Amino acid sequence: MPYVQPSRAAITGTLTEDDTAAIIETLAAAGIDTSAIVCTVTTLGNAFFTYNVPKGQSNLIQDGDLLDQIADALDAAGWVMFGWDGQREVGGLVDVLGRPTPHELWTADEVAAFLGVKPASARSQLSRWGLAAHDYQRSASGRPQGRFDAGLVRVLTDARPGQGARTDRPRS
């Protein structure tokens, strides 16, 4: 799921603690040794990965190859992710936001209908979110038309703060 979001703190997911076993099973099915990997779900509904090591030692997974393998396996299985666009930023993490959904792609017009705005406003919102087109198809006029992951659009819409929200203040 190609998606890069500039602000990690504002993103919430839909995962629960029950989803950690399914995530680990997905990794194991992809041939990743999960004996030392811990998947943790935060109160915001995001999942992230650490090593299972004794207290006092750094448990962040900093092995870029392993993080790439994790992201590739979850992407192939359809999990909704944050910070993964086919190539992780150096030092970047991979967060999981939602369970796999049928891979549904929407055009900007379909995103606009979902958001209840005009297509130009929808394209602006997609740009603010940093959501790149998953692929392109030819429209009836023959022009290329971007298609966006519907699952990510739904997750990002649910995470919007709402009218009048003070986004400059930390959540309590």
N, C-alpha and C. Protein backbone atom coordinates (compact mmCIF):
# COMPACT_ATOMS: atom_id res chain seq x y z
N MET A 1 0.85 -1.17 0.00
CA MET A 1 0.00 0.00 0.00
C MET A 1 0.90 1.24 0.00
N PRO A 2 1.01 1.93 -1.09
CA PRO A 2 1.92 3.06 -1.14
C PRO A 2 1.36 4.25 -0.38
N TYR A 3 2.04 4.62 0.69
CA TYR A 3 1.57 5.76 1.47
C TYR A 3 2.67 6.30 2.36
N VAL A 4 2.89 7.58 2.35
CA VAL A 4 3.85 8.22 3.23
C VAL A 4 3.15 9.40 3.87
N GLN A 5 3.16 9.46 5.18
CA GLN A 5 2.49 10.54 5.91
C GLN A 5 3.55 11.35 6.65
N PRO A 6 3.54 12.68 6.52
CA PRO A 6 4.57 13.49 7.15
C PRO A 6 4.51 13.51 8.67
N SER A 7 3.35 13.39 9.28
CA SER A 7 3.25 13.49 10.73
C SER A 7 2.73 12.20 11.34
N ARG A 8 3.62 11.44 11.97
CA ARG A 8 3.28 10.15 12.56
C ARG A 8 2.31 10.31 13.73
N ALA A 9 2.40 11.37 14.50
CA ALA A 9 1.61 11.51 15.73
C ALA A 9 0.12 11.62 15.47
N ALA A 10 -0.28 12.11 14.30
CA ALA A 10 -1.70 12.37 14.05
C ALA A 10 -2.44 11.17 13.50
N ILE A 11 -1.75 10.08 13.23
CA ILE A 11 -2.38 8.94 12.57
C ILE A 11 -2.87 7.92 13.58
N THR A 12 -4.12 7.52 13.41
CA THR A 12 -4.67 6.45 14.24
C THR A 12 -5.08 5.30 13.33
N GLY A 13 -5.09 4.11 13.90
CA GLY A 13 -5.44 2.93 13.14
C GLY A 13 -6.69 2.27 13.70
N THR A 14 -6.98 1.09 13.17
CA THR A 14 -8.19 0.37 13.58
C THR A 14 -7.87 -0.98 14.19
N LEU A 15 -6.61 -1.21 14.54
CA LEU A 15 -6.20 -2.51 15.06
C LEU A 15 -6.52 -2.65 16.54
N THR A 16 -6.68 -3.90 16.98
CA THR A 16 -6.82 -4.22 18.40
C THR A 16 -5.74 -5.23 18.75
N GLU A 17 -5.59 -5.50 20.03
CA GLU A 17 -4.60 -6.47 20.49
C GLU A 17 -4.80 -7.84 19.85
N ASP A 18 -6.04 -8.16 19.49
CA ASP A 18 -6.34 -9.45 18.86
C ASP A 18 -5.67 -9.60 17.50
N ASP A 19 -5.30 -8.49 16.86
CA ASP A 19 -4.72 -8.53 15.52
C ASP A 19 -3.24 -8.90 15.51
N THR A 20 -2.56 -8.84 16.67
CA THR A 20 -1.12 -9.10 16.68
C THR A 20 -0.80 -10.52 16.23
N ALA A 21 -1.60 -11.49 16.65
CA ALA A 21 -1.34 -12.88 16.24
C ALA A 21 -1.46 -13.04 14.73
N ALA A 22 -2.46 -12.40 14.13
CA ALA A 22 -2.64 -12.49 12.68
C ALA A 22 -1.47 -11.83 11.94
N ILE A 23 -0.95 -10.74 12.48
CA ILE A 23 0.19 -10.07 11.86
C ILE A 23 1.42 -10.98 11.91
N ILE A 24 1.69 -11.57 13.08
CA ILE A 24 2.84 -12.47 13.23
C ILE A 24 2.67 -13.69 12.32
N GLU A 25 1.45 -14.22 12.21
CA GLU A 25 1.20 -15.35 11.31
C GLU A 25 1.49 -14.97 9.86
N THR A 26 1.14 -13.75 9.47
CA THR A 26 1.41 -13.28 8.12
C THR A 26 2.92 -13.26 7.86
N LEU A 27 3.69 -12.80 8.85
CA LEU A 27 5.14 -12.74 8.70
C LEU A 27 5.73 -14.15 8.62
N ALA A 28 5.25 -15.06 9.48
CA ALA A 28 5.75 -16.43 9.48
C ALA A 28 5.43 -17.12 8.15
N ALA A 29 4.24 -16.87 7.62
CA ALA A 29 3.86 -17.47 6.34
C ALA A 29 4.75 -16.99 5.21
N ALA A 30 5.33 -15.80 5.37
CA ALA A 30 6.24 -15.25 4.35
C ALA A 30 7.67 -15.73 4.55
N GLY A 31 7.88 -16.60 5.54
CA GLY A 31 9.21 -17.16 5.76
C GLY A 31 10.11 -16.33 6.66
N ILE A 32 9.55 -15.38 7.39
CA ILE A 32 10.33 -14.54 8.29
C ILE A 32 10.38 -15.22 9.66
N ASP A 33 11.59 -15.31 10.24
CA ASP A 33 11.75 -15.90 11.57
C ASP A 33 11.15 -14.94 12.59
N THR A 34 10.03 -15.32 13.19
CA THR A 34 9.31 -14.44 14.11
C THR A 34 9.60 -14.75 15.58
N SER A 35 10.56 -15.63 15.84
CA SER A 35 10.82 -16.05 17.22
C SER A 35 11.29 -14.89 18.10
N ALA A 36 11.95 -13.90 17.52
CA ALA A 36 12.46 -12.79 18.32
C ALA A 36 11.73 -11.48 18.03
N ILE A 37 10.65 -11.52 17.24
CA ILE A 37 9.94 -10.30 16.87
C ILE A 37 8.68 -10.17 17.71
N VAL A 38 8.46 -8.97 18.23
CA VAL A 38 7.25 -8.67 19.00
C VAL A 38 6.45 -7.64 18.24
N CYS A 39 5.16 -7.89 18.10
CA CYS A 39 4.25 -6.94 17.46
C CYS A 39 3.40 -6.34 18.58
N THR A 40 3.40 -5.02 18.68
CA THR A 40 2.67 -4.33 19.74
C THR A 40 1.63 -3.40 19.13
N VAL A 41 0.41 -3.43 19.67
CA VAL A 41 -0.64 -2.52 19.23
C VAL A 41 -0.77 -1.40 20.26
N THR A 42 -0.73 -0.16 19.79
CA THR A 42 -0.83 0.99 20.69
C THR A 42 -2.29 1.32 20.97
N THR A 43 -2.51 2.26 21.88
CA THR A 43 -3.87 2.69 22.18
C THR A 43 -4.49 3.45 21.01
N LEU A 44 -3.67 3.90 20.06
CA LEU A 44 -4.18 4.59 18.88
C LEU A 44 -4.57 3.63 17.76
N GLY A 45 -4.39 2.32 17.99
CA GLY A 45 -4.78 1.34 16.99
C GLY A 45 -3.72 1.06 15.94
N ASN A 46 -2.46 1.42 16.21
CA ASN A 46 -1.34 1.15 15.31
C ASN A 46 -0.56 -0.04 15.84
N ALA A 47 0.07 -0.78 14.97
CA ALA A 47 0.97 -1.86 15.38
C ALA A 47 2.37 -1.53 14.92
N PHE A 48 3.38 -1.84 15.76
CA PHE A 48 4.77 -1.66 15.37
C PHE A 48 5.57 -2.86 15.86
N PHE A 49 6.83 -2.95 15.45
CA PHE A 49 7.62 -4.14 15.68
C PHE A 49 8.88 -3.83 16.47
N THR A 50 9.22 -4.73 17.41
CA THR A 50 10.45 -4.63 18.19
C THR A 50 11.02 -6.04 18.33
N TYR A 51 12.27 -6.09 18.84
CA TYR A 51 12.88 -7.38 19.17
C TYR A 51 12.48 -7.76 20.58
N ASN A 52 12.37 -9.05 20.84
CA ASN A 52 12.12 -9.56 22.19
C ASN A 52 13.48 -9.76 22.85
N VAL A 53 13.98 -8.73 23.57
CA VAL A 53 15.31 -8.78 24.19
C VAL A 53 15.18 -8.46 25.68
N PRO A 54 16.20 -8.81 26.50
CA PRO A 54 16.15 -8.49 27.93
C PRO A 54 16.05 -6.98 28.16
N LYS A 55 15.43 -6.61 29.28
CA LYS A 55 15.28 -5.19 29.62
C LYS A 55 16.64 -4.51 29.65
N GLY A 56 16.66 -3.26 29.26
CA GLY A 56 17.88 -2.48 29.27
C GLY A 56 18.60 -2.47 27.93
N GLN A 57 18.28 -3.43 27.07
CA GLN A 57 18.88 -3.45 25.74
C GLN A 57 17.94 -2.78 24.75
N SER A 58 18.52 -2.22 23.70
CA SER A 58 17.70 -1.58 22.68
C SER A 58 16.88 -2.64 21.96
N ASN A 59 15.59 -2.41 21.87
CA ASN A 59 14.74 -3.40 21.23
C ASN A 59 14.18 -2.94 19.89
N LEU A 60 14.58 -1.76 19.43
CA LEU A 60 14.09 -1.29 18.13
C LEU A 60 14.72 -2.10 17.01
N ILE A 61 13.92 -2.51 16.06
CA ILE A 61 14.44 -3.22 14.90
C ILE A 61 15.05 -2.18 13.97
N GLN A 62 16.37 -2.21 13.85
CA GLN A 62 17.06 -1.25 13.00
C GLN A 62 17.68 -1.90 11.78
N ASP A 63 17.49 -3.20 11.64
CA ASP A 63 17.99 -3.94 10.48
C ASP A 63 17.09 -3.60 9.29
N GLY A 64 17.62 -2.80 8.38
CA GLY A 64 16.83 -2.34 7.24
C GLY A 64 16.30 -3.47 6.38
N ASP A 65 17.11 -4.52 6.19
CA ASP A 65 16.66 -5.66 5.38
C ASP A 65 15.47 -6.35 6.02
N LEU A 66 15.52 -6.54 7.35
CA LEU A 66 14.40 -7.19 8.05
C LEU A 66 13.15 -6.33 7.98
N LEU A 67 13.29 -5.02 8.17
CA LEU A 67 12.13 -4.14 8.08
C LEU A 67 11.53 -4.17 6.67
N ASP A 68 12.39 -4.23 5.67
CA ASP A 68 11.89 -4.32 4.29
C ASP A 68 11.14 -5.63 4.07
N GLN A 69 11.66 -6.73 4.63
CA GLN A 69 10.99 -8.03 4.51
C GLN A 69 9.63 -7.99 5.19
N ILE A 70 9.57 -7.39 6.39
CA ILE A 70 8.31 -7.27 7.12
C ILE A 70 7.30 -6.47 6.30
N ALA A 71 7.74 -5.31 5.81
CA ALA A 71 6.84 -4.45 5.04
C ALA A 71 6.38 -5.13 3.75
N ASP A 72 7.30 -5.81 3.07
CA ASP A 72 6.93 -6.52 1.84
C ASP A 72 5.88 -7.59 2.11
N ALA A 73 6.08 -8.37 3.20
CA ALA A 73 5.15 -9.45 3.54
C ALA A 73 3.77 -8.90 3.87
N LEU A 74 3.72 -7.81 4.66
CA LEU A 74 2.44 -7.23 5.05
C LEU A 74 1.75 -6.57 3.85
N ASP A 75 2.55 -5.93 3.00
CA ASP A 75 2.00 -5.30 1.81
C ASP A 75 1.39 -6.35 0.88
N ALA A 76 2.09 -7.46 0.70
CA ALA A 76 1.59 -8.53 -0.17
C ALA A 76 0.30 -9.13 0.37
N ALA A 77 0.16 -9.14 1.70
CA ALA A 77 -1.04 -9.71 2.32
C ALA A 77 -2.18 -8.70 2.42
N GLY A 78 -1.92 -7.44 2.06
CA GLY A 78 -2.98 -6.43 2.02
C GLY A 78 -3.18 -5.63 3.29
N TRP A 79 -2.28 -5.72 4.26
CA TRP A 79 -2.43 -4.93 5.48
C TRP A 79 -2.26 -3.44 5.13
N VAL A 80 -3.03 -2.57 5.79
CA VAL A 80 -2.94 -1.13 5.58
C VAL A 80 -1.79 -0.61 6.42
N MET A 81 -0.81 0.03 5.74
CA MET A 81 0.40 0.46 6.44
C MET A 81 0.67 1.95 6.29
N PHE A 82 1.50 2.43 7.20
CA PHE A 82 1.96 3.81 7.25
C PHE A 82 3.47 3.80 7.03
N GLY A 83 3.99 4.71 6.26
CA GLY A 83 5.43 4.83 6.12
C GLY A 83 6.03 3.84 5.14
N TRP A 84 5.22 3.23 4.29
CA TRP A 84 5.75 2.26 3.34
C TRP A 84 5.27 2.62 1.95
N ASP A 85 6.21 2.94 1.08
CA ASP A 85 5.85 3.25 -0.31
C ASP A 85 6.67 2.38 -1.25
N GLY A 86 6.97 1.17 -0.81
CA GLY A 86 7.79 0.27 -1.60
C GLY A 86 9.26 0.38 -1.25
N GLN A 87 9.60 1.45 -0.53
CA GLN A 87 10.96 1.62 -0.07
C GLN A 87 10.92 2.46 1.20
N ARG A 88 11.40 1.89 2.27
CA ARG A 88 11.38 2.55 3.57
C ARG A 88 12.45 3.64 3.62
N GLU A 89 12.14 4.75 4.27
CA GLU A 89 13.15 5.78 4.47
C GLU A 89 14.23 5.24 5.40
N VAL A 90 15.46 5.73 5.25
CA VAL A 90 16.55 5.28 6.11
C VAL A 90 16.19 5.59 7.56
N GLY A 91 16.28 4.60 8.42
CA GLY A 91 15.92 4.78 9.83
C GLY A 91 14.43 4.79 10.06
N GLY A 92 13.65 4.65 9.01
CA GLY A 92 12.20 4.70 9.15
C GLY A 92 11.63 3.43 9.74
N LEU A 93 10.46 3.55 10.30
CA LEU A 93 9.77 2.41 10.88
C LEU A 93 8.63 2.02 9.97
N VAL A 94 8.04 0.88 10.26
CA VAL A 94 6.86 0.45 9.53
C VAL A 94 5.75 0.25 10.54
N ASP A 95 4.67 0.99 10.42
CA ASP A 95 3.51 0.85 11.29
C ASP A 95 2.37 0.24 10.49
N VAL A 96 1.61 -0.61 11.15
CA VAL A 96 0.44 -1.21 10.53
C VAL A 96 -0.79 -0.50 11.09
N LEU A 97 -1.72 -0.09 10.22
CA LEU A 97 -2.89 0.67 10.65
C LEU A 97 -4.19 -0.13 10.61
N GLY A 98 -4.29 -1.07 9.71
CA GLY A 98 -5.57 -1.76 9.57
C GLY A 98 -5.44 -3.15 8.99
N ARG A 99 -6.48 -3.93 9.21
CA ARG A 99 -6.53 -5.31 8.71
C ARG A 99 -6.63 -5.33 7.19
N PRO A 100 -6.25 -6.45 6.61
CA PRO A 100 -6.37 -6.54 5.15
C PRO A 100 -7.82 -6.37 4.70
N THR A 101 -7.98 -5.68 3.63
CA THR A 101 -9.31 -5.48 3.05
C THR A 101 -9.21 -5.85 1.57
N PRO A 102 -10.32 -6.15 0.94
CA PRO A 102 -10.24 -6.39 -0.50
C PRO A 102 -9.61 -5.17 -1.16
N HIS A 103 -8.68 -5.40 -2.05
CA HIS A 103 -7.95 -4.30 -2.68
C HIS A 103 -8.89 -3.53 -3.59
N GLU A 104 -9.33 -2.39 -3.10
CA GLU A 104 -10.27 -1.55 -3.84
C GLU A 104 -9.58 -0.24 -4.16
N LEU A 105 -9.62 0.16 -5.41
CA LEU A 105 -9.00 1.40 -5.85
C LEU A 105 -10.06 2.38 -6.31
N TRP A 106 -9.92 3.65 -5.88
CA TRP A 106 -10.86 4.69 -6.23
C TRP A 106 -10.17 5.75 -7.07
N THR A 107 -10.92 6.31 -8.01
CA THR A 107 -10.44 7.49 -8.73
C THR A 107 -10.66 8.71 -7.84
N ALA A 108 -10.11 9.86 -8.25
CA ALA A 108 -10.31 11.09 -7.48
C ALA A 108 -11.79 11.45 -7.40
N ASP A 109 -12.54 11.15 -8.45
CA ASP A 109 -13.99 11.42 -8.43
C ASP A 109 -14.69 10.56 -7.38
N GLU A 110 -14.27 9.31 -7.26
CA GLU A 110 -14.87 8.42 -6.25
C GLU A 110 -14.47 8.84 -4.85
N VAL A 111 -13.22 9.29 -4.68
CA VAL A 111 -12.78 9.82 -3.38
C VAL A 111 -13.61 11.05 -3.03
N ALA A 112 -13.84 11.92 -4.02
CA ALA A 112 -14.65 13.13 -3.80
C ALA A 112 -16.05 12.77 -3.35
N ALA A 113 -16.66 11.78 -3.99
CA ALA A 113 -18.00 11.36 -3.59
C ALA A 113 -18.00 10.83 -2.16
N PHE A 114 -16.97 10.07 -1.80
CA PHE A 114 -16.87 9.53 -0.44
C PHE A 114 -16.72 10.65 0.60
N LEU A 115 -15.88 11.64 0.27
CA LEU A 115 -15.64 12.75 1.20
C LEU A 115 -16.74 13.80 1.17
N GLY A 116 -17.58 13.78 0.13
CA GLY A 116 -18.65 14.77 0.01
C GLY A 116 -18.15 16.13 -0.43
N VAL A 117 -17.11 16.13 -1.28
CA VAL A 117 -16.53 17.38 -1.76
C VAL A 117 -16.39 17.30 -3.29
N LYS A 118 -15.94 18.40 -3.89
CA LYS A 118 -15.70 18.42 -5.33
C LYS A 118 -14.39 17.68 -5.64
N PRO A 119 -14.23 17.17 -6.86
CA PRO A 119 -13.01 16.44 -7.21
C PRO A 119 -11.72 17.23 -6.99
N ALA A 120 -11.72 18.52 -7.25
CA ALA A 120 -10.51 19.33 -7.03
C ALA A 120 -10.15 19.37 -5.54
N SER A 121 -11.16 19.46 -4.68
CA SER A 121 -10.92 19.45 -3.23
C SER A 121 -10.39 18.08 -2.79
N ALA A 122 -10.93 17.03 -3.39
CA ALA A 122 -10.46 15.68 -3.05
C ALA A 122 -9.00 15.52 -3.45
N ARG A 123 -8.62 16.01 -4.62
CA ARG A 123 -7.22 15.91 -5.05
C ARG A 123 -6.32 16.70 -4.11
N SER A 124 -6.79 17.86 -3.65
CA SER A 124 -6.01 18.65 -2.68
C SER A 124 -5.84 17.89 -1.37
N GLN A 125 -6.91 17.25 -0.90
CA GLN A 125 -6.85 16.49 0.35
C GLN A 125 -5.89 15.30 0.20
N LEU A 126 -5.98 14.61 -0.92
CA LEU A 126 -5.06 13.48 -1.16
C LEU A 126 -3.62 13.96 -1.14
N SER A 127 -3.37 15.13 -1.71
CA SER A 127 -2.02 15.69 -1.70
C SER A 127 -1.57 16.04 -0.29
N ARG A 128 -2.46 16.65 0.52
CA ARG A 128 -2.11 16.98 1.91
C ARG A 128 -1.78 15.74 2.71
N TRP A 129 -2.50 14.66 2.44
CA TRP A 129 -2.23 13.40 3.13
C TRP A 129 -0.94 12.75 2.65
N GLY A 130 -0.44 13.17 1.50
CA GLY A 130 0.75 12.55 0.93
C GLY A 130 0.43 11.22 0.27
N LEU A 131 -0.81 11.01 -0.09
CA LEU A 131 -1.25 9.75 -0.68
C LEU A 131 -1.02 9.77 -2.18
N ALA A 132 -0.10 8.94 -2.64
CA ALA A 132 0.20 8.85 -4.07
C ALA A 132 -0.73 7.85 -4.73
N ALA A 133 -0.92 8.01 -6.01
CA ALA A 133 -1.77 7.08 -6.76
C ALA A 133 -1.14 5.69 -6.73
N HIS A 134 -1.99 4.69 -6.53
CA HIS A 134 -1.52 3.30 -6.53
C HIS A 134 -1.14 2.89 -7.94
N ASP A 135 -1.95 3.28 -8.91
CA ASP A 135 -1.65 3.05 -10.31
C ASP A 135 -2.49 4.02 -11.14
N TYR A 136 -2.37 3.90 -12.45
CA TYR A 136 -3.10 4.79 -13.35
C TYR A 136 -3.86 3.96 -14.38
N GLN A 137 -5.02 4.46 -14.77
CA GLN A 137 -5.79 3.83 -15.83
C GLN A 137 -6.23 4.93 -16.79
N ARG A 138 -6.57 4.55 -17.99
CA ARG A 138 -7.05 5.52 -18.97
C ARG A 138 -8.51 5.84 -18.70
N SER A 139 -8.84 7.12 -18.68
CA SER A 139 -10.23 7.53 -18.52
C SER A 139 -10.93 7.44 -19.86
N ALA A 140 -12.22 7.75 -19.89
CA ALA A 140 -12.99 7.69 -21.13
C ALA A 140 -12.42 8.65 -22.18
N SER A 141 -11.82 9.74 -21.71
CA SER A 141 -11.24 10.71 -22.65
C SER A 141 -9.84 10.30 -23.11
N GLY A 142 -9.30 9.23 -22.54
CA GLY A 142 -7.98 8.76 -22.93
C GLY A 142 -6.85 9.27 -22.07
N ARG A 143 -7.16 10.15 -21.12
CA ARG A 143 -6.13 10.70 -20.24
C ARG A 143 -5.87 9.74 -19.09
N PRO A 144 -4.63 9.70 -18.57
CA PRO A 144 -4.35 8.85 -17.41
C PRO A 144 -5.06 9.38 -16.17
N GLN A 145 -5.61 8.49 -15.39
CA GLN A 145 -6.36 8.86 -14.20
C GLN A 145 -5.82 8.04 -13.02
N GLY A 146 -5.35 8.72 -11.96
CA GLY A 146 -4.81 8.03 -10.80
C GLY A 146 -5.89 7.30 -10.03
N ARG A 147 -5.51 6.14 -9.47
CA ARG A 147 -6.42 5.38 -8.62
C ARG A 147 -5.77 5.24 -7.25
N PHE A 148 -6.54 5.47 -6.20
CA PHE A 148 -6.03 5.53 -4.84
C PHE A 148 -6.61 4.40 -4.00
N ASP A 149 -5.83 3.95 -3.03
CA ASP A 149 -6.25 2.84 -2.19
C ASP A 149 -7.42 3.29 -1.30
N ALA A 150 -8.57 2.64 -1.46
CA ALA A 150 -9.78 3.02 -0.73
C ALA A 150 -9.63 2.78 0.76
N GLY A 151 -8.93 1.71 1.16
CA GLY A 151 -8.74 1.43 2.58
C GLY A 151 -7.98 2.54 3.29
N LEU A 152 -6.93 3.05 2.63
CA LEU A 152 -6.18 4.16 3.22
C LEU A 152 -7.01 5.43 3.28
N VAL A 153 -7.80 5.68 2.26
CA VAL A 153 -8.67 6.87 2.27
C VAL A 153 -9.62 6.79 3.45
N ARG A 154 -10.20 5.62 3.70
CA ARG A 154 -11.13 5.45 4.84
C ARG A 154 -10.41 5.67 6.17
N VAL A 155 -9.20 5.07 6.33
CA VAL A 155 -8.45 5.22 7.59
C VAL A 155 -8.08 6.68 7.81
N LEU A 156 -7.60 7.35 6.78
CA LEU A 156 -7.20 8.75 6.91
C LEU A 156 -8.39 9.66 7.18
N THR A 157 -9.53 9.35 6.57
CA THR A 157 -10.74 10.14 6.82
C THR A 157 -11.16 10.00 8.28
N ASP A 158 -11.11 8.79 8.80
CA ASP A 158 -11.48 8.56 10.20
C ASP A 158 -10.52 9.25 11.16
N ALA A 159 -9.26 9.46 10.73
CA ALA A 159 -8.25 10.06 11.60
C ALA A 159 -8.26 11.58 11.57
N ARG A 160 -9.08 12.18 10.69
CA ARG A 160 -9.11 13.65 10.61
C ARG A 160 -9.60 14.22 11.93
N PRO A 161 -9.02 15.34 12.37
CA PRO A 161 -9.38 15.88 13.68
C PRO A 161 -10.76 16.51 13.77
N GLY A 162 -11.33 16.96 12.67
CA GLY A 162 -12.66 17.57 12.72
C GLY A 162 -12.59 19.09 12.77
N GLN A 163 -13.72 19.72 12.47
CA GLN A 163 -13.79 21.16 12.41
C GLN A 163 -13.55 21.76 13.78
N GLY A 164 -12.67 22.76 13.84
CA GLY A 164 -12.40 23.46 15.08
C GLY A 164 -11.45 22.77 16.02
N ALA A 165 -10.88 21.66 15.63
CA ALA A 165 -9.95 20.94 16.50
C ALA A 165 -8.65 21.71 16.62
N ARG A 166 -8.11 21.73 17.83
CA ARG A 166 -6.83 22.39 18.09
C ARG A 166 -5.72 21.37 17.86
N THR A 167 -5.23 21.30 16.63
CA THR A 167 -4.19 20.32 16.32
C THR A 167 -2.82 20.76 16.80
N ASP A 168 -2.70 21.99 17.29
CA ASP A 168 -1.41 22.45 17.80
C ASP A 168 -1.19 22.01 19.25
N ARG A 169 -2.20 21.45 19.87
CA ARG A 169 -2.08 20.98 21.26
C ARG A 169 -1.98 19.46 21.28
N PRO A 170 -1.15 18.94 22.19
CA PRO A 170 -1.04 17.48 22.28
C PRO A 170 -2.34 16.87 22.79
N ARG A 171 -2.60 15.62 22.35
CA ARG A 171 -3.78 14.91 22.85
C ARG A 171 -3.61 14.57 24.32
N SER A 172 -4.71 14.62 25.04
CA SER A 172 -4.60 14.28 26.47
C SER A 172 -5.19 12.93 26.74
